[in-house]
Protein backbone atom coordinates (compact mmCIF):
# COMPACT_ATOMS: atom_id res chain seq x y z
CA MET A 1 29.33 121.70 82.45
CA SER A 2 25.95 120.73 83.99
CA LEU A 3 25.25 120.03 87.51
CA ILE A 4 25.55 116.58 89.13
CA THR A 5 22.29 115.01 90.02
CA ALA A 6 21.83 112.65 92.91
CA ILE A 7 20.99 109.23 91.69
CA ALA A 8 17.84 109.22 93.74
CA ASP A 9 16.56 112.32 91.82
CA ALA A 10 17.70 111.18 88.33
CA VAL A 11 14.48 111.08 86.06
CA PRO A 12 14.54 108.26 83.55
CA ARG A 13 14.61 108.90 79.85
CA THR A 14 16.07 112.39 80.28
CA PRO A 15 19.83 113.42 80.35
CA VAL A 16 21.49 112.90 83.43
CA ARG A 17 24.83 113.77 85.25
CA ILE A 18 25.65 111.66 88.26
CA GLY A 19 28.59 110.98 90.17
CA GLY A 20 29.73 108.68 93.03
CA GLU A 21 32.04 105.74 93.97
CA VAL A 22 32.51 102.74 91.81
CA LYS A 23 31.13 99.97 94.24
CA GLY A 24 31.63 97.15 91.79
CA LEU A 25 32.45 95.88 88.27
CA GLN A 26 31.13 92.85 86.63
CA VAL A 27 31.36 91.42 82.97
CA VAL A 28 28.04 90.18 81.79
CA PRO A 29 26.81 89.23 78.35
CA ARG A 30 24.73 91.61 76.59
CA ALA A 31 23.08 90.97 73.10
CA GLY A 32 25.71 88.34 72.55
CA ALA A 33 28.78 90.47 73.54
CA PRO A 34 30.61 90.92 76.75
CA SER A 35 29.53 94.07 78.75
CA LEU A 36 31.23 95.83 81.74
CA GLU A 37 28.70 97.00 84.34
CA VAL A 38 29.76 99.29 86.84
CA THR A 39 27.86 100.04 89.95
CA ILE A 40 28.06 103.59 91.22
CA ALA A 41 26.69 104.71 94.50
CA ASP A 42 26.39 108.32 95.63
CA GLY A 43 24.69 107.98 99.15
CA SER A 44 21.25 108.54 97.82
CA GLY A 45 21.10 105.44 95.43
CA ARG A 46 22.94 103.32 93.11
CA ALA A 47 23.13 103.32 89.36
CA ILE A 48 24.79 100.97 86.69
CA ALA A 49 26.97 102.16 83.99
CA VAL A 50 26.98 99.63 81.09
CA PHE A 51 29.86 99.96 78.52
CA THR A 52 28.76 97.50 75.70
CA GLY A 53 31.83 95.25 74.22
CA ARG A 54 34.06 96.12 77.02
CA LYS A 55 35.62 93.76 79.82
CA ARG A 56 37.66 96.55 81.07
CA LEU A 57 38.23 100.40 81.61
CA GLY A 58 41.70 101.50 82.36
CA GLY A 59 41.86 103.17 85.96
CA LEU A 60 38.35 102.17 86.62
CA ASP A 61 38.61 100.14 89.98
CA PRO A 62 36.14 99.98 93.12
CA GLY A 63 36.55 102.71 95.39
CA ARG A 64 37.49 105.22 92.50
CA GLY A 65 35.26 108.23 92.04
CA ILE A 66 33.32 108.72 88.75
CA VAL A 67 31.12 111.12 87.00
CA ILE A 68 28.91 109.77 84.21
CA GLU A 69 26.65 111.49 81.98
CA GLY A 70 24.03 110.07 79.68
CA ILE A 71 20.04 109.16 79.32
CA GLY A 72 19.05 106.73 82.11
CA ARG A 73 16.42 104.08 82.02
CA ILE A 74 15.04 101.92 84.65
CA GLU A 75 15.80 98.16 84.02
CA ARG A 76 14.95 95.55 87.02
CA ASN A 77 14.26 98.60 89.29
CA ARG A 78 17.57 100.23 88.89
CA LEU A 79 18.90 103.21 87.01
CA VAL A 80 20.99 102.07 84.00
CA LEU A 81 23.03 104.34 81.53
CA LEU A 82 24.17 102.61 78.46
CA ASN A 83 27.49 103.65 77.21
CA PRO A 84 27.75 106.80 79.20
CA ALA A 85 30.31 109.62 78.78
CA TYR A 86 32.55 109.33 81.84
CA GLN A 87 35.30 111.00 83.87
CA LEU A 88 37.51 109.64 86.51
CA LEU A 89 38.02 111.64 89.43
CA PRO A 90 41.70 112.09 90.57
CA LEU A 91 42.65 109.77 93.39
């Protein structure tokens, strides 16, 4: 298991593992299909996890702790991970 990187220290276009608290959920159209955008904050910054073709993920609610892993990119001045692996943290 790799270490968790602070969102502010994440390098785009490289594999990254970040963790934080879910701050918001929103369903937006992407490429003609609904996608769930999850905003995650860790105190150093915010990142967006995008789950294409999803409107909901069970157990994922604002305030929940989450760790995501994937390759980030910058989109509209924010770190975005497309379809990352994720792990919900115990309540």
